[in-house]
Amino acid sequence: MAYLLAIIAGVLNMLQSGSNSTLNEKLNAGPVAPALVVYLTGIAAVLVASPFIGRPLSGIMGRVGDVPWWGWIGGAMGAFYVVVTLTEAKAMGAGAFTAITLTAAVITSLLLDHYGLLGFEVRPLTALRILGGVMMVAGVGLVARF
């Protein structure tokens, strides 16, 4: 099930790029207003889904101190991604945008796993993992180029 959810998340991530850039283009108000729309609709979606996916919020305040600093900045990183999709994705094209963001994601993921950064379990960087990353990047590059 985790792999299916990851596939769906990847598809939605790319669809979000087109959706966000169209929102930005049609509102023609700069990236702030469309970014707010993106996050407000995201909040609404989480609230609607919360009875099915979440846990009760009770006791959360007692666990706030257990969260490392990097646990608090995911929203800011997501906001950066959303603003970039709003301002750059459509002009670059879906293929090029995907190639660049996926290349960066593959390289980053290999490093996160190798060093066990941000709470990921250590998965050493082996020759086969490097080859897999190179093949993924090369494949996406071919899709973007041709």
Protein backbone atom coordinates (compact mmCIF):
# COMPACT_ATOMS: atom_id res chain seq x y z
CA MET A 1 0.00 0.00 0.00
CA ALA A 2 2.87 2.39 0.78
CA TYR A 3 4.21 2.06 -2.77
CA LEU A 4 0.80 2.74 -4.29
CA LEU A 5 0.41 5.84 -2.12
CA ALA A 6 3.90 6.99 -3.17
CA ILE A 7 2.98 6.55 -6.84
CA ILE A 8 -0.21 8.56 -6.34
CA ALA A 9 1.74 11.26 -4.47
CA GLY A 10 4.22 11.49 -7.36
CA VAL A 11 1.43 11.82 -9.92
CA LEU A 12 -0.34 14.44 -7.83
CA ASN A 13 2.92 16.33 -7.32
CA MET A 14 3.29 16.79 -11.07
CA LEU A 15 -0.39 17.57 -11.55
CA GLN A 16 -0.06 20.16 -8.80
CA SER A 17 2.65 21.93 -10.81
CA GLY A 18 0.29 22.46 -13.73
CA SER A 19 -2.63 23.33 -11.48
CA ASN A 20 -0.59 25.85 -9.51
CA SER A 21 0.93 27.54 -12.54
CA THR A 22 -2.49 27.84 -14.19
CA LEU A 23 -3.89 29.36 -10.99
CA ASN A 24 -1.05 31.87 -10.96
CA GLU A 25 -1.51 32.72 -14.64
CA LYS A 26 -5.28 33.22 -14.42
CA LEU A 27 -5.25 35.21 -11.18
CA ASN A 28 -2.38 37.35 -12.52
CA ALA A 29 -1.67 38.71 -9.03
CA GLY A 30 1.87 37.51 -8.32
CA PRO A 31 2.62 34.31 -6.46
CA VAL A 32 1.38 35.28 -2.97
CA ALA A 33 -2.39 35.09 -3.58
CA PRO A 34 -2.23 31.79 -5.51
CA ALA A 35 0.08 30.31 -2.85
CA LEU A 36 -2.47 31.23 -0.19
CA VAL A 37 -5.21 29.56 -2.25
CA VAL A 38 -3.05 26.42 -2.56
CA TYR A 39 -2.48 26.23 1.18
CA LEU A 40 -6.06 27.09 2.14
CA THR A 41 -7.39 24.33 -0.13
CA GLY A 42 -4.72 22.02 1.32
CA ILE A 43 -5.84 22.83 4.86
CA ALA A 44 -9.44 22.19 3.87
CA ALA A 45 -8.48 18.83 2.33
CA VAL A 46 -6.57 17.79 5.46
CA LEU A 47 -9.50 18.77 7.67
CA VAL A 48 -11.93 16.76 5.55
CA ALA A 49 -9.60 13.74 5.49
CA SER A 50 -8.53 13.92 9.14
CA PRO A 51 -11.23 11.59 10.52
CA PHE A 52 -9.95 8.89 8.15
CA ILE A 53 -6.18 9.38 8.39
CA GLY A 54 -5.36 11.22 11.59
CA ARG A 55 -4.98 10.64 15.24
CA PRO A 56 -6.62 12.71 17.95
CA LEU A 57 -4.81 15.94 18.74
CA SER A 58 -5.05 15.27 22.46
CA GLY A 59 -1.69 15.27 24.15
CA ILE A 60 0.08 16.96 21.26
CA MET A 61 1.37 19.84 23.36
CA GLY A 62 3.31 17.40 25.52
CA ARG A 63 5.17 16.12 22.43
CA VAL A 64 6.03 19.47 20.83
CA GLY A 65 9.41 19.58 22.55
CA ASP A 66 10.34 16.18 21.08
CA VAL A 67 10.34 17.53 17.53
CA PRO A 68 13.83 18.42 16.20
CA TRP A 69 14.31 21.78 14.47
CA TRP A 70 14.03 20.31 10.98
CA GLY A 71 10.62 18.91 11.84
CA TRP A 72 9.21 22.43 11.89
CA ILE A 73 10.38 23.65 8.48
CA GLY A 74 8.59 21.24 6.13
CA GLY A 75 5.81 23.76 5.50
CA ALA A 76 8.33 26.43 4.52
CA MET A 77 10.02 24.01 2.12
CA GLY A 78 6.64 23.10 0.67
CA ALA A 79 5.80 26.79 0.31
CA PHE A 80 9.03 27.34 -1.63
CA TYR A 81 8.14 24.47 -3.96
CA VAL A 82 4.61 25.82 -4.45
CA VAL A 83 5.90 29.32 -5.28
CA VAL A 84 8.38 27.86 -7.78
CA THR A 85 5.60 25.84 -9.45
CA LEU A 86 3.48 28.99 -9.56
CA THR A 87 6.18 31.09 -11.19
CA GLU A 88 8.38 28.73 -13.21
CA ALA A 89 6.78 25.38 -14.11
CA LYS A 90 4.61 26.46 -17.02
CA ALA A 91 7.36 28.53 -18.66
CA MET A 92 9.85 25.67 -18.32
CA GLY A 93 7.41 23.01 -19.47
CA ALA A 94 6.33 19.92 -17.55
CA GLY A 95 9.19 17.78 -18.89
CA ALA A 96 12.02 20.16 -18.04
CA PHE A 97 10.50 21.11 -14.69
CA THR A 98 10.08 17.45 -13.79
CA ALA A 99 13.58 16.56 -15.00
CA ILE A 100 15.21 19.22 -12.86
CA THR A 101 13.12 18.70 -9.73
CA LEU A 102 13.33 14.90 -9.97
CA THR A 103 17.09 14.99 -10.54
CA ALA A 104 17.49 17.14 -7.46
CA ALA A 105 15.14 14.85 -5.52
CA VAL A 106 16.98 11.66 -6.52
CA ILE A 107 20.38 13.06 -5.56
CA THR A 108 19.03 14.47 -2.30
CA SER A 109 17.27 11.22 -1.43
CA LEU A 110 20.44 9.19 -1.93
CA LEU A 111 22.33 11.55 0.39
CA LEU A 112 19.55 11.58 3.01
CA ASP A 113 19.54 7.79 3.05
CA HIS A 114 23.33 7.40 3.05
CA TYR A 115 23.89 9.75 5.97
CA GLY A 116 20.58 9.05 7.77
CA LEU A 117 19.73 12.75 7.72
CA LEU A 118 16.43 14.22 8.92
CA GLY A 119 15.48 11.00 10.68
CA PHE A 120 15.79 8.65 7.70
CA GLU A 121 17.16 5.18 8.36
CA VAL A 122 20.74 4.78 7.09
CA ARG A 123 20.88 3.03 3.72
CA PRO A 124 24.47 3.08 2.46
CA LEU A 125 25.26 4.54 -0.94
CA THR A 126 26.22 1.46 -2.95
CA ALA A 127 27.30 1.19 -6.56
CA LEU A 128 23.89 -0.24 -7.49
CA ARG A 129 22.03 2.61 -5.75
CA ILE A 130 24.22 5.14 -7.57
CA LEU A 131 23.58 3.32 -10.87
CA GLY A 132 19.83 3.34 -10.17
CA GLY A 133 19.94 7.07 -9.45
CA VAL A 134 21.92 7.75 -12.62
CA MET A 135 19.48 5.68 -14.66
CA MET A 136 16.50 7.52 -13.18
CA VAL A 137 18.06 10.90 -13.88
CA ALA A 138 19.07 9.85 -17.40
CA GLY A 139 15.58 8.54 -18.14
CA VAL A 140 13.88 11.69 -16.93
CA GLY A 141 16.40 13.74 -18.89
CA LEU A 142 15.53 11.84 -22.08
CA VAL A 143 11.82 12.38 -21.48
CA ALA A 144 12.37 16.10 -20.95
CA ARG A 145 14.64 16.48 -23.98
CA PHE A 146 12.73 14.48 -26.60
